[in-house]
C-alpha atoms as a PDB file:
ATOM      1  CA  MET A   1       3.107 -19.232  56.491  1.00  0.00           C
ATOM      2  CA  LEU A   2       3.858 -19.814  52.809  1.00  0.00           C
ATOM      3  CA  LYS A   3       3.085 -17.089  50.302  1.00  0.00           C
ATOM      4  CA  ALA A   4       2.820 -17.841  46.567  1.00  0.00           C
ATOM      5  CA  PRO A   5       4.082 -15.299  43.995  1.00  0.00           C
ATOM      6  CA  PHE A   6       0.769 -15.542  42.093  1.00  0.00           C
ATOM      7  CA  ASP A   7      -2.803 -16.791  42.472  1.00  0.00           C
ATOM      8  CA  GLY A   8      -3.199 -20.366  41.368  1.00  0.00           C
ATOM      9  CA  VAL A   9      -4.225 -23.929  42.083  1.00  0.00           C
ATOM     10  CA  ILE A  10      -2.163 -26.536  43.934  1.00  0.00           C
ATOM     11  CA  VAL A  11      -1.898 -29.511  41.570  1.00  0.00           C
ATOM     12  CA  GLN A  12       0.550 -31.630  43.565  1.00  0.00           C
ATOM     13  CA  LYS A  13       1.909 -31.833  47.133  1.00  0.00           C
ATOM     14  CA  PHE A  14       5.428 -33.094  47.808  1.00  0.00           C
ATOM     15  CA  VAL A  15       5.352 -33.181  51.634  1.00  0.00           C
ATOM     16  CA  GLU A  16       2.901 -34.164  54.360  1.00  0.00           C
ATOM     17  CA  ASN A  17       1.583 -32.106  57.260  1.00  0.00           C
ATOM     18  CA  HIS A  18       4.079 -31.555  60.105  1.00  0.00           C
ATOM     19  CA  GLU A  19       6.945 -32.928  58.002  1.00  0.00           C
ATOM     20  CA  VAL A  20      10.346 -31.289  58.540  1.00  0.00           C
ATOM     21  CA  ILE A  21      11.664 -29.698  55.351  1.00  0.00           C
ATOM     22  CA  ALA A  22      14.983 -28.256  54.235  1.00  0.00           C
ATOM     23  CA  PRO A  23      15.586 -24.759  52.837  1.00  0.00           C
ATOM     24  CA  GLY A  24      14.810 -24.660  49.122  1.00  0.00           C
ATOM     25  CA  GLN A  25      12.844 -27.917  49.181  1.00  0.00           C
ATOM     26  CA  ALA A  26       9.791 -28.078  46.919  1.00  0.00           C
ATOM     27  CA  ILE A  27       6.539 -28.109  48.899  1.00  0.00           C
ATOM     28  CA  VAL A  28       3.836 -28.004  46.238  1.00  0.00           C
ATOM     29  CA  GLU A  29       3.418 -27.573  42.499  1.00  0.00           C
ATOM     30  CA  LEU A  30       1.360 -24.452  41.848  1.00  0.00           C
ATOM     31  CA  SER A  31      -0.415 -23.881  38.546  1.00  0.00           C
ATOM     32  CA  ASP A  32      -1.226 -20.334  37.483  1.00  0.00           C
ATOM     33  CA  ALA A  33      -5.009 -20.242  37.119  1.00  0.00           C
ATOM     34  CA  GLN A  34      -5.034 -17.395  34.606  1.00  0.00           C
ATOM     35  CA  GLN A  35      -1.881 -17.788  32.532  1.00  0.00           C
ATOM     36  CA  ILE A  36      -0.179 -21.009  31.484  1.00  0.00           C
ATOM     37  CA  GLU A  37       2.616 -21.974  29.129  1.00  0.00           C
ATOM     38  CA  VAL A  38       2.190 -24.328  26.168  1.00  0.00           C
ATOM     39  CA  ALA A  39       5.152 -25.924  24.365  1.00  0.00           C
ATOM     40  CA  ILE A  40       4.928 -26.825  20.667  1.00  0.00           C
ATOM     41  CA  SER A  41       7.313 -27.552  17.788  1.00  0.00           C
ATOM     42  CA  ILE A  42       7.456 -25.596  14.524  1.00  0.00           C
ATOM     43  CA  PRO A  43       9.265 -26.538  11.291  1.00  0.00           C
ATOM     44  CA  GLU A  44      11.892 -24.366   9.658  1.00  0.00           C
ATOM     45  CA  SER A  45       9.412 -23.280   6.961  1.00  0.00           C
ATOM     46  CA  VAL A  46       7.261 -21.655   9.663  1.00  0.00           C
ATOM     47  CA  LEU A  47      10.141 -20.239  11.695  1.00  0.00           C
ATOM     48  CA  ILE A  48      11.538 -18.216   8.780  1.00  0.00           C
ATOM     49  CA  ARG A  49       8.174 -16.441   8.539  1.00  0.00           C
ATOM     50  CA  GLU A  50       8.412 -15.185  12.117  1.00  0.00           C
ATOM     51  CA  SER A  51       8.225 -11.565  10.947  1.00  0.00           C
ATOM     52  CA  ASP A  52       4.796 -12.342   9.430  1.00  0.00           C
ATOM     53  CA  PHE A  53       3.303 -13.752  12.663  1.00  0.00           C
ATOM     54  CA  ASP A  54       0.034 -12.080  13.676  1.00  0.00           C
ATOM     55  CA  GLN A  55      -0.010 -12.775  17.409  1.00  0.00           C
ATOM     56  CA  ASP A  56      -3.309 -10.963  17.883  1.00  0.00           C
ATOM     57  CA  ARG A  57      -4.931 -13.968  16.168  1.00  0.00           C
ATOM     58  CA  PHE A  58      -2.993 -16.787  17.860  1.00  0.00           C
ATOM     59  CA  LEU A  59      -5.377 -19.225  19.564  1.00  0.00           C
ATOM     60  CA  CYS A  60      -5.049 -22.236  21.834  1.00  0.00           C
ATOM     61  CA  SER A  61      -7.620 -24.945  22.547  1.00  0.00           C
ATOM     62  CA  PHE A  62      -7.626 -28.017  24.767  1.00  0.00           C
ATOM     63  CA  GLU A  63      -9.015 -31.466  23.991  1.00  0.00           C
ATOM     64  CA  ALA A  64     -10.589 -31.592  27.448  1.00  0.00           C
ATOM     65  CA  PHE A  65     -12.676 -28.472  26.709  1.00  0.00           C
ATOM     66  CA  PRO A  66     -13.962 -28.691  23.111  1.00  0.00           C
ATOM     67  CA  GLY A  67     -15.358 -25.515  21.613  1.00  0.00           C
ATOM     68  CA  LYS A  68     -13.345 -23.177  23.843  1.00  0.00           C
ATOM     69  CA  THR A  69     -10.395 -21.152  22.539  1.00  0.00           C
ATOM     70  CA  PHE A  70      -8.050 -18.781  24.334  1.00  0.00           C
ATOM     71  CA  PRO A  71      -5.590 -16.101  23.130  1.00  0.00           C
ATOM     72  CA  ALA A  72      -1.915 -17.035  23.019  1.00  0.00           C
ATOM     73  CA  LYS A  73       1.326 -15.061  22.714  1.00  0.00           C
ATOM     74  CA  ILE A  74       4.884 -16.163  21.974  1.00  0.00           C
ATOM     75  CA  LYS A  75       7.132 -16.291  25.027  1.00  0.00           C
ATOM     76  CA  GLU A  76      10.234 -17.675  23.332  1.00  0.00           C
ATOM     77  CA  ILE A  77      11.479 -19.654  20.343  1.00  0.00           C
ATOM     78  CA  GLY A  78      14.409 -22.048  20.634  1.00  0.00           C
ATOM     79  CA  SER A  79      17.574 -21.134  18.743  1.00  0.00           C
ATOM     80  CA  SER A  80      18.322 -24.692  17.580  1.00  0.00           C
ATOM     81  CA  ILE A  81      16.373 -27.748  16.463  1.00  0.00           C
ATOM     82  CA  GLN A  82      15.193 -30.293  19.003  1.00  0.00           C
ATOM     83  CA  LEU A  83      17.174 -33.492  19.386  1.00  0.00           C
ATOM     84  CA  GLY A  84      15.790 -36.155  17.065  1.00  0.00           C
ATOM     85  CA  ARG A  85      13.459 -33.733  15.264  1.00  0.00           C
ATOM     86  CA  GLN A  86      13.637 -31.321  12.369  1.00  0.00           C
ATOM     87  CA  SER A  87      11.712 -28.649  14.263  1.00  0.00           C
ATOM     88  CA  TYR A  88      12.260 -25.793  16.700  1.00  0.00           C
ATOM     89  CA  PRO A  89      10.713 -25.514  20.172  1.00  0.00           C
ATOM     90  CA  MET A  90       8.286 -22.657  20.739  1.00  0.00           C
ATOM     91  CA  THR A  91       6.757 -21.692  24.084  1.00  0.00           C
ATOM     92  CA  LEU A  92       3.563 -19.647  24.215  1.00  0.00           C
ATOM     93  CA  THR A  93       1.706 -18.071  27.126  1.00  0.00           C
ATOM     94  CA  VAL A  94      -2.038 -18.654  27.087  1.00  0.00           C
ATOM     95  CA  SER A  95      -4.375 -16.284  28.914  1.00  0.00           C
ATOM     96  CA  LEU A  96      -7.326 -17.889  30.696  1.00  0.00           C
ATOM     97  CA  PRO A  97     -10.468 -16.290  32.181  1.00  0.00           C
ATOM     98  CA  ASP A  98     -10.629 -15.874  35.958  1.00  0.00           C
ATOM     99  CA  SER A  99     -12.662 -18.157  38.184  1.00  0.00           C
ATOM    100  CA  GLY A 100     -15.679 -15.846  38.138  1.00  0.00           C
ATOM    101  CA  ASP A 101     -15.967 -15.900  34.352  1.00  0.00           C
ATOM    102  CA  PRO A 102     -18.574 -18.252  32.774  1.00  0.00           C
ATOM    103  CA  ASN A 103     -15.823 -19.498  30.435  1.00  0.00           C
ATOM    104  CA  PHE A 104     -13.480 -20.407  33.294  1.00  0.00           C
ATOM    105  CA  VAL A 105     -11.682 -23.737  32.874  1.00  0.00           C
ATOM    106  CA  LEU A 106      -9.107 -25.389  35.094  1.00  0.00           C
ATOM    107  CA  ILE A 107      -6.147 -26.371  32.917  1.00  0.00           C
ATOM    108  CA  ARG A 108      -3.882 -28.947  34.488  1.00  0.00           C
ATOM    109  CA  PRO A 109      -0.258 -29.728  33.540  1.00  0.00           C
ATOM    110  CA  ASN A 110       0.280 -31.991  30.503  1.00  0.00           C
ATOM    111  CA  MET A 111      -3.224 -31.539  29.083  1.00  0.00           C
ATOM    112  CA  ALA A 112      -3.251 -31.951  25.299  1.00  0.00           C
ATOM    113  CA  ALA A 113      -3.432 -28.603  23.508  1.00  0.00           C
ATOM    114  CA  THR A 114      -3.734 -27.372  19.931  1.00  0.00           C
ATOM    115  CA  VAL A 115      -2.216 -24.021  18.926  1.00  0.00           C
ATOM    116  CA  THR A 116      -3.363 -22.119  15.845  1.00  0.00           C
ATOM    117  CA  LEU A 117      -0.733 -19.726  14.474  1.00  0.00           C
ATOM    118  CA  ALA A 118      -1.854 -16.854  12.257  1.00  0.00           C
ATOM    119  CA  PHE A 119       0.056 -14.881   9.635  1.00  0.00           C
ATOM    120  CA  LYS A 120      -0.436 -11.418   8.231  1.00  0.00           C
ATOM    121  CA  ARG A 121      -2.145 -11.907   4.882  1.00  0.00           C
ATOM    122  CA  ASN A 122       0.369 -10.083   2.730  1.00  0.00           C
ATOM    123  CA  ASN A 123       0.353 -13.022   0.327  1.00  0.00           C
ATOM    124  CA  PRO A 124      -2.844 -14.251  -1.395  1.00  0.00           C
ATOM    125  CA  TYR A 125      -1.488 -17.821  -1.614  1.00  0.00           C
ATOM    126  CA  PHE A 126      -1.036 -20.575   0.932  1.00  0.00           C
ATOM    127  CA  ILE A 127       2.641 -21.274   1.597  1.00  0.00           C
ATOM    128  CA  ILE A 128       3.555 -24.857   2.489  1.00  0.00           C
ATOM    129  CA  PRO A 129       6.920 -26.554   3.124  1.00  0.00           C
ATOM    130  CA  GLN A 130       8.663 -28.040   0.085  1.00  0.00           C
ATOM    131  CA  SER A 131       8.861 -31.297   2.031  1.00  0.00           C
ATOM    132  CA  SER A 132       5.056 -31.530   1.824  1.00  0.00           C
ATOM    133  CA  ILE A 133       5.125 -32.059  -1.942  1.00  0.00           C
ATOM    134  CA  VAL A 134       4.660 -35.706  -2.886  1.00  0.00           C
ATOM    135  CA  ALA A 135       4.864 -35.595  -6.709  1.00  0.00           C
ATOM    136  CA  PRO A 136       6.545 -34.118  -8.563  1.00  0.00           C
ATOM    137  CA  SER A 137       9.486 -33.358  -6.293  1.00  0.00           C
ATOM    138  CA  ALA A 138       9.430 -29.788  -4.996  1.00  0.00           C
ATOM    139  CA  ASP A 139      13.057 -29.269  -6.057  1.00  0.00           C
ATOM    140  CA  SER A 140      12.422 -30.569  -9.561  1.00  0.00           C
ATOM    141  CA  LYS A 141      12.788 -28.239 -12.509  1.00  0.00           C
ATOM    142  CA  GLU A 142       9.339 -29.419 -13.609  1.00  0.00           C
ATOM    143  CA  VAL A 143       7.689 -27.491 -10.796  1.00  0.00           C
ATOM    144  CA  ASN A 144       6.717 -24.147 -12.257  1.00  0.00           C
ATOM    145  CA  SER A 145       3.813 -21.735 -12.228  1.00  0.00           C
ATOM    146  CA  GLY A 146       0.569 -23.564 -12.987  1.00  0.00           C
ATOM    147  CA  ASN A 147       2.010 -27.057 -12.435  1.00  0.00           C
ATOM    148  CA  THR A 148       0.065 -29.548 -10.355  1.00  0.00           C
ATOM    149  CA  ALA A 149       1.456 -31.669  -7.551  1.00  0.00           C
ATOM    150  CA  GLN A 150       0.137 -33.652  -4.624  1.00  0.00           C
ATOM    151  CA  VAL A 151       0.213 -33.333  -0.845  1.00  0.00           C
ATOM    152  CA  MET A 152      -1.049 -35.677   1.843  1.00  0.00           C
ATOM    153  CA  LEU A 153      -4.182 -34.291   3.514  1.00  0.00           C
ATOM    154  CA  TYR A 154      -4.932 -35.441   7.078  1.00  0.00           C
ATOM    155  CA  ASP A 155      -8.468 -36.374   8.147  1.00  0.00           C
ATOM    156  CA  ALA A 156      -8.821 -35.972  11.926  1.00  0.00           C
ATOM    157  CA  LYS A 157     -12.040 -38.038  12.052  1.00  0.00           C
ATOM    158  CA  THR A 158     -10.466 -41.175  10.566  1.00  0.00           C
ATOM    159  CA  SER A 159      -6.783 -40.474  11.385  1.00  0.00           C
ATOM    160  CA  THR A 160      -5.928 -41.235   7.756  1.00  0.00           C
ATOM    161  CA  VAL A 161      -4.220 -39.355   4.941  1.00  0.00           C
ATOM    162  CA  THR A 162      -5.437 -38.799   1.390  1.00  0.00           C
ATOM    163  CA  ALA A 163      -3.520 -37.549  -1.649  1.00  0.00           C
ATOM    164  CA  GLN A 164      -4.741 -34.064  -2.560  1.00  0.00           C
ATOM    165  CA  THR A 165      -3.918 -32.402  -5.885  1.00  0.00           C
ATOM    166  CA  ILE A 166      -2.786 -28.784  -5.701  1.00  0.00           C
ATOM    167  CA  THR A 167      -1.811 -26.138  -8.224  1.00  0.00           C
ATOM    168  CA  ILE A 168       1.546 -24.480  -7.605  1.00  0.00           C
ATOM    169  CA  HIS A 169       1.962 -20.764  -8.188  1.00  0.00           C
ATOM    170  CA  GLN A 170       5.697 -20.556  -7.561  1.00  0.00           C
ATOM    171  CA  ILE A 171       8.468 -21.704  -5.241  1.00  0.00           C
ATOM    172  CA  ARG A 172       9.798 -19.134  -2.792  1.00  0.00           C
ATOM    173  CA  PRO A 173      12.645 -19.360  -0.233  1.00  0.00           C
ATOM    174  CA  GLU A 174      10.089 -19.784   2.562  1.00  0.00           C
ATOM    175  CA  GLY A 175       8.114 -22.512   0.783  1.00  0.00           C
ATOM    176  CA  VAL A 176       5.771 -23.406  -2.066  1.00  0.00           C
ATOM    177  CA  GLU A 177       2.936 -21.012  -2.955  1.00  0.00           C
ATOM    178  CA  VAL A 178      -0.277 -22.961  -3.533  1.00  0.00           C
ATOM    179  CA  GLU A 179      -2.755 -21.430  -5.964  1.00  0.00           C
ATOM    180  CA  SER A 180      -5.598 -23.940  -5.485  1.00  0.00           C
ATOM    181  CA  GLY A 181      -6.410 -27.290  -3.903  1.00  0.00           C
ATOM    182  CA  LEU A 182      -6.210 -26.284  -0.231  1.00  0.00           C
ATOM    183  CA  LYS A 183      -8.548 -24.373   2.060  1.00  0.00           C
ATOM    184  CA  PRO A 184      -8.155 -22.762   5.505  1.00  0.00           C
ATOM    185  CA  GLY A 185      -8.018 -25.366   8.248  1.00  0.00           C
ATOM    186  CA  ASP A 186      -6.600 -28.168   6.092  1.00  0.00           C
ATOM    187  CA  VAL A 187      -3.867 -30.194   7.814  1.00  0.00           C
ATOM    188  CA  ILE A 188      -1.147 -31.607   5.567  1.00  0.00           C
ATOM    189  CA  VAL A 189       1.861 -33.820   6.226  1.00  0.00           C
ATOM    190  CA  SER A 190       5.013 -31.691   6.361  1.00  0.00           C
ATOM    191  CA  ALA A 191       7.629 -34.443   6.779  1.00  0.00           C
ATOM    192  CA  GLY A 192       7.797 -37.928   5.321  1.00  0.00           C
ATOM    193  CA  ALA A 193       4.856 -37.369   2.988  1.00  0.00           C
ATOM    194  CA  ARG A 194       6.508 -39.360   0.176  1.00  0.00           C
ATOM    195  CA  PHE A 195       6.483 -42.484   2.334  1.00  0.00           C
ATOM    196  CA  LEU A 196       2.702 -42.432   2.856  1.00  0.00           C
ATOM    197  CA  GLU A 197      -0.172 -43.771   0.758  1.00  0.00           C
ATOM    198  CA  SER A 198      -3.810 -42.682   0.483  1.00  0.00           C
ATOM    199  CA  GLY A 199      -5.946 -44.320   3.143  1.00  0.00           C
ATOM    200  CA  GLN A 200      -3.009 -44.999   5.455  1.00  0.00           C
ATOM    201  CA  LYS A 201      -3.571 -44.375   9.153  1.00  0.00           C
ATOM    202  CA  VAL A 202      -1.187 -41.950  10.859  1.00  0.00           C
ATOM    203  CA  LYS A 203      -0.721 -40.415  14.302  1.00  0.00           C
ATOM    204  CA  LEU A 204      -0.197 -36.713  14.920  1.00  0.00           C
ATOM    205  CA  GLU A 205       3.046 -35.900  16.690  1.00  0.00           C
ATOM    206  CA  SER A 206       2.524 -34.439  20.167  1.00  0.00           C
ATOM    207  CA  SER A 207       4.911 -32.441  22.340  1.00  0.00           C
ATOM    208  CA  GLU A 208       5.406 -35.586  24.483  1.00  0.00           C
ATOM    209  CA  ASP A 209       6.515 -37.787  21.561  1.00  0.00           C
ATOM    210  CA  LYS A 210      10.247 -38.443  21.429  1.00  0.00           C
END
């Protein structure tokens, strides 16, 4: 008799009935029905604000189950950038309702997920990466309090970007403080923004992209 270390769902079998197996050989792939892990990438500008993370408000949603969100907690953050990317790997554990709950969903491996990270609001301004600034350059001496600049705003419905004018409050080590021009939920381009034009179609990077 085989005994699993936790309750879950068998998502894949590696052997057939009555097949002879060797010690240590994988028999099945078991998915935890109530707690899963989600892997994402975060830029340096987000990583340096780790002390400001508000994990009580971290949320995860899945494209397969629109309208449903689940609490998430950080399991670990990679110590170095990922090969071929300017971002750090982060793994979160997502808690799911049990099978008797009306909100129960069966999450299978490799389902597309979206993670919403929350910060403690000890700063009244949005902070964005300097690499998001299109014009003028974020490292230019012309960027001062009250100056305007542009970022590329992503529209999920059309998969296009549009230049959005913002007002800069000041530049801090962790990024650019935005006084106006952005609202909660806006998605902006954080890398390569200067190479894009308004109306251009783009594709969001996923954890499976190389």
